[in-house]
Each structure stands twice: as structure tokens, then as C-alpha cells.
Amino acid sequence: MDQDTEPSRRVALLDDNPAVRESVSMLLKSVGLETVAFHSPAVFLASAIEDTGCILLDIRMPEMSGLEVHRRLRERGIETPVIFLTGHGDVSMAVRSMREGAFDFLEKPMEDQQLIDRVLEALTHDTERRASAARRSDSASRISRLTAREREIAELIADGQSSREVAAVLSLSVRTVEGYRSRIMAKLEVDSLAQVVRALMQ
């Protein structure tokens, strides 16, 4: 896999039909997307799937069903959007997969534009998911800098209590609370109380 390619532009395709792998890969390439195609669930599951922004899974395969592959991905904590490719008669299975967290399912033979549109939507969803996870991780890292007392005061402030009210609750002077508040904002790298609230919520 080319490490210079953005993860959000990579698509992983698992289908035991070589004709499907070739046609889907060529179609997605025509709109600037890199496709990494797999013929075997075992090889697929052993690969760096986390580097992709969308996964296309065939539901019926001799070695392992797409539904089982999806379950194994979820057990590993992989949240990359999954679009199932279903044959005739597999719709009920695909609907079940949606209940279990799949992004969508498409019936074969797929219309080219429909497949492109849904893959692009899945890639956008994955980009937003990654950005949100990065923000949460950054907030968690900054919050971990707070002492237990600072965290306690930050949570009271986030609940809307003034410095005077916090001082009364914790039997501290208002000046002491103001000092804590300044240190909290410095450690969280924020400029306003609204940002303190946002950081704690994330």
C-alpha cells in the first residue's frame, strides 16, 4: 500500500469473484480512488485494513461469510465504514448487517454511479470519524494533565457554577478558585470557559 496516499482515499475490496474485483477496482480508479482487492477473508483479515477509508465486503464467500468477517472487524475495534455487496436473495442478510453497524449494502450487479456515490459518502464519513476521534484523543491528553483537584473544579465550572459558588462548595477562597481556573485553562490550552466545557464534554 502506498503510504503517501491518504487513508481516506483507499478502498479495501473483499470478493472471491475475480471479475468483480477487477471491474470494481477499475471503476474506482476512474474517479481517483485506490482499491486494494482481496480474494480471501483470511488474507484480508491479516492485512492493514485500518489504513483504508471504506471496506466493500461480499456477503457470500466459500471460506467465510462477509457477515462473519464484519463481526471479526468489530471485535478488533475497526470502525471503518463497511458496504456489503449482495447477490439475489441476500437482502435479508444485508439488512441484518445494517443493524450490526454496516454503512450500507448494494445489490449485484451494482450501477456504477450508485457504487461510486456510496463509496464517496463512506469515505467522507470515515474522514469525519477520524477527525472526531483525533479531537477526543487530544482533549483526553490535555485533561490528563489536570490534578484531581483541578479536574474537580473544572467539572464544577463546566456545570455552570461561578468561582464564588465553587469556592463555597469546596470551602476555598474565591482567589484560590480563580488561581485554579487559570491553571486549568493553561493546561487545557483554552481561552474561555466555553472551551473548558467543550474539552470536558469531548
Protein backbone atom coordinates (compact mmCIF):
# COMPACT_ATOMS: atom_id res chain seq x y z
CA MET A 1 0.00 0.00 0.00
CA ASP A 2 1.34 3.43 -0.94
CA GLN A 3 1.91 5.24 2.34
CA ASP A 4 1.71 8.63 0.57
CA THR A 5 -1.95 8.03 -0.27
CA GLU A 6 -4.42 9.41 2.25
CA PRO A 7 -6.16 6.60 4.19
CA SER A 8 -9.49 8.23 3.36
CA ARG A 9 -8.89 7.66 -0.38
CA ARG A 10 -8.17 3.94 -0.08
CA VAL A 11 -10.88 1.33 -0.51
CA ALA A 12 -10.50 -2.32 0.55
CA LEU A 13 -12.47 -4.83 -1.52
CA LEU A 14 -13.05 -8.44 -0.46
CA ASP A 15 -14.78 -10.61 -3.08
CA ASP A 16 -13.97 -14.15 -4.23
CA ASN A 17 -15.06 -13.32 -7.79
CA PRO A 18 -12.07 -12.07 -9.84
CA ALA A 19 -14.34 -10.34 -12.37
CA VAL A 20 -15.95 -8.29 -9.58
CA ARG A 21 -12.57 -7.40 -8.11
CA GLU A 22 -11.28 -6.23 -11.48
CA SER A 23 -14.38 -4.26 -12.52
CA VAL A 24 -14.82 -2.52 -9.16
CA SER A 25 -11.12 -1.67 -8.95
CA MET A 26 -11.15 -0.16 -12.44
CA LEU A 27 -14.33 1.80 -11.73
CA LEU A 28 -13.00 3.32 -8.52
CA LYS A 29 -9.65 4.05 -10.14
CA SER A 30 -11.53 6.08 -12.77
CA VAL A 31 -12.59 8.52 -10.03
CA GLY A 32 -9.17 8.67 -8.40
CA LEU A 33 -9.59 6.06 -5.69
CA GLU A 34 -7.02 3.39 -4.86
CA THR A 35 -8.53 -0.06 -4.37
CA VAL A 36 -6.77 -2.86 -2.50
CA ALA A 37 -8.50 -6.08 -3.58
CA PHE A 38 -8.56 -9.39 -1.68
CA HIS A 39 -9.88 -12.79 -2.74
CA SER A 40 -9.63 -14.45 0.68
CA PRO A 41 -11.10 -13.45 4.06
CA ALA A 42 -8.02 -14.85 5.82
CA VAL A 43 -5.64 -12.68 3.78
CA PHE A 44 -7.96 -9.71 4.16
CA LEU A 45 -8.14 -10.01 7.96
CA ALA A 46 -4.35 -10.33 8.18
CA SER A 47 -3.84 -7.07 6.26
CA ALA A 48 -3.59 -3.45 7.42
CA ILE A 49 -7.28 -2.74 6.88
CA GLU A 50 -7.13 0.23 9.27
CA ASP A 51 -5.29 2.14 6.52
CA THR A 52 -8.41 2.18 4.34
CA GLY A 53 -11.35 4.58 4.46
CA CYS A 54 -14.04 2.20 3.19
CA ILE A 55 -14.47 -1.57 3.02
CA LEU A 56 -16.51 -3.39 0.35
CA LEU A 57 -17.47 -6.89 1.52
CA ASP A 58 -19.09 -9.67 -0.46
CA ILE A 59 -21.68 -11.42 1.70
CA ARG A 60 -21.39 -14.96 0.30
CA MET A 61 -17.91 -16.49 0.13
CA PRO A 62 -16.92 -20.16 0.48
CA GLU A 63 -14.24 -19.66 3.14
CA MET A 64 -16.13 -17.29 5.46
CA SER A 65 -19.23 -15.14 5.06
CA GLY A 66 -18.98 -11.39 4.81
CA LEU A 67 -21.11 -11.15 7.93
CA GLU A 68 -18.54 -13.16 9.90
CA VAL A 69 -15.72 -11.01 8.51
CA HIS A 70 -17.65 -7.93 9.64
CA ARG A 71 -18.08 -9.36 13.14
CA ARG A 72 -14.35 -10.00 13.39
CA LEU A 73 -13.61 -6.44 12.32
CA ARG A 74 -15.91 -5.11 15.04
CA GLU A 75 -14.30 -7.40 17.63
CA ARG A 76 -10.94 -5.82 16.71
CA GLY A 77 -12.40 -2.34 17.16
CA ILE A 78 -12.14 -1.46 13.46
CA GLU A 79 -14.76 1.20 12.70
CA THR A 80 -14.02 1.72 9.01
CA PRO A 81 -17.35 2.03 7.12
CA VAL A 82 -18.42 -1.28 5.55
CA ILE A 83 -20.58 -1.58 2.44
CA PHE A 84 -21.86 -5.09 1.72
CA LEU A 85 -22.16 -6.35 -1.84
CA THR A 86 -25.08 -8.76 -2.02
CA GLY A 87 -26.38 -11.19 -4.58
CA HIS A 88 -30.01 -12.05 -5.22
CA GLY A 89 -31.66 -13.44 -2.11
CA ASP A 90 -29.12 -11.97 0.30
CA VAL A 91 -31.05 -8.81 1.11
CA SER A 92 -32.35 -10.08 4.47
CA MET A 93 -28.77 -10.86 5.47
CA ALA A 94 -27.70 -7.41 4.37
CA VAL A 95 -30.46 -5.75 6.38
CA ARG A 96 -29.24 -7.67 9.42
CA SER A 97 -25.74 -6.40 8.76
CA MET A 98 -27.07 -2.82 8.84
CA ARG A 99 -28.44 -3.46 12.31
CA GLU A 100 -24.98 -4.65 13.29
CA GLY A 101 -23.33 -1.44 12.16
CA ALA A 102 -22.69 -1.73 8.41
CA PHE A 103 -22.71 1.55 6.48
CA ASP A 104 -24.86 0.24 3.60
CA PHE A 105 -25.47 -2.66 1.23
CA LEU A 106 -25.73 -2.77 -2.55
CA GLU A 107 -27.28 -5.49 -4.68
CA LYS A 108 -25.26 -7.02 -7.51
CA PRO A 109 -24.98 -6.09 -10.28
CA MET A 110 -24.39 -2.58 -8.94
CA GLU A 111 -24.93 0.53 -11.01
CA ASP A 112 -21.58 2.28 -11.46
CA GLN A 113 -22.72 5.69 -10.25
CA GLN A 114 -24.56 4.23 -7.27
CA LEU A 115 -21.42 2.40 -6.14
CA ILE A 116 -19.24 5.48 -6.64
CA ASP A 117 -21.68 7.70 -4.74
CA ARG A 118 -21.96 5.37 -1.75
CA VAL A 119 -18.20 4.79 -1.57
CA LEU A 120 -17.56 8.54 -1.62
CA GLU A 121 -20.14 9.02 1.14
CA ALA A 122 -18.48 6.28 3.19
CA LEU A 123 -15.07 7.91 2.71
CA THR A 124 -16.44 11.27 3.85
CA HIS A 125 -17.97 9.57 6.89
CA ASP A 126 -14.63 7.94 7.70
CA THR A 127 -12.75 11.23 7.38
CA GLU A 128 -15.18 12.86 9.83
CA ARG A 129 -14.91 9.86 12.17
CA ARG A 130 -11.11 10.04 12.21
CA ALA A 131 -11.17 13.80 12.82
CA SER A 132 -13.62 13.39 15.69
CA ALA A 133 -11.51 10.61 17.23
CA ALA A 134 -8.40 12.80 16.94
CA ARG A 135 -10.17 15.67 18.71
CA ARG A 136 -11.31 13.35 21.51
CA SER A 137 -7.81 11.95 21.89
CA ASP A 138 -6.31 15.44 22.01
CA SER A 139 -8.83 16.57 24.63
CA ALA A 140 -8.24 13.44 26.71
CA SER A 141 -4.48 14.05 26.59
CA ARG A 142 -4.87 17.64 27.82
CA ILE A 143 -7.39 16.68 30.51
CA SER A 144 -4.95 14.07 31.82
CA ARG A 145 -2.61 16.94 32.75
CA LEU A 146 -5.07 18.13 35.40
CA THR A 147 -4.61 17.15 39.04
CA ALA A 148 -7.55 15.54 40.84
CA ARG A 149 -8.40 18.88 42.45
CA GLU A 150 -8.16 20.76 39.16
CA ARG A 151 -10.39 18.17 37.50
CA GLU A 152 -12.94 18.53 40.29
CA ILE A 153 -13.00 22.31 39.91
CA ALA A 154 -13.11 22.09 36.10
CA GLU A 155 -16.18 19.87 36.29
CA LEU A 156 -17.93 22.28 38.65
CA ILE A 157 -17.12 25.15 36.29
CA ALA A 158 -18.40 23.07 33.36
CA ASP A 159 -21.65 22.59 35.29
CA GLY A 160 -22.10 26.36 35.17
CA GLN A 161 -21.00 27.27 38.68
CA SER A 162 -19.25 30.60 39.25
CA SER A 163 -15.93 30.91 41.07
CA ARG A 164 -17.80 32.11 44.16
CA GLU A 165 -20.13 29.08 44.04
CA VAL A 166 -17.21 26.68 43.54
CA ALA A 167 -15.40 28.30 46.46
CA ALA A 168 -18.44 27.77 48.67
CA VAL A 169 -18.84 24.11 47.65
CA LEU A 170 -15.17 23.26 48.25
CA SER A 171 -14.57 25.58 51.25
CA LEU A 172 -11.93 27.55 49.37
CA SER A 173 -11.36 31.25 48.89
CA VAL A 174 -12.55 32.82 45.64
CA ARG A 175 -8.94 33.86 44.93
CA THR A 176 -7.80 30.25 45.26
CA VAL A 177 -10.50 29.08 42.85
CA GLU A 178 -9.52 31.81 40.38
CA GLY A 179 -5.92 30.58 40.58
CA TYR A 180 -7.06 27.02 39.89
CA ARG A 181 -9.17 28.24 36.99
CA SER A 182 -6.18 29.96 35.38
CA ARG A 183 -4.06 26.82 35.69
CA ILE A 184 -6.87 24.67 34.31
CA MET A 185 -7.24 26.89 31.24
CA ALA A 186 -3.48 26.90 30.70
CA LYS A 187 -3.23 23.10 30.90
CA LEU A 188 -6.22 22.63 28.60
CA GLU A 189 -4.79 25.26 26.23
CA VAL A 190 -8.09 27.15 26.03
CA ASP A 191 -9.04 30.82 26.24
CA SER A 192 -12.60 30.69 27.54
CA LEU A 193 -14.85 28.81 29.93
CA ALA A 194 -16.91 27.65 26.96
CA GLN A 195 -13.81 25.86 25.66
CA VAL A 196 -13.28 24.26 29.07
CA VAL A 197 -16.81 22.86 28.85
CA ARG A 198 -16.23 21.64 25.31
CA ALA A 199 -12.98 19.91 26.26
CA LEU A 200 -14.62 18.06 29.16
CA MET A 201 -17.59 17.05 27.02
CA GLN A 202 -15.31 15.55 24.36
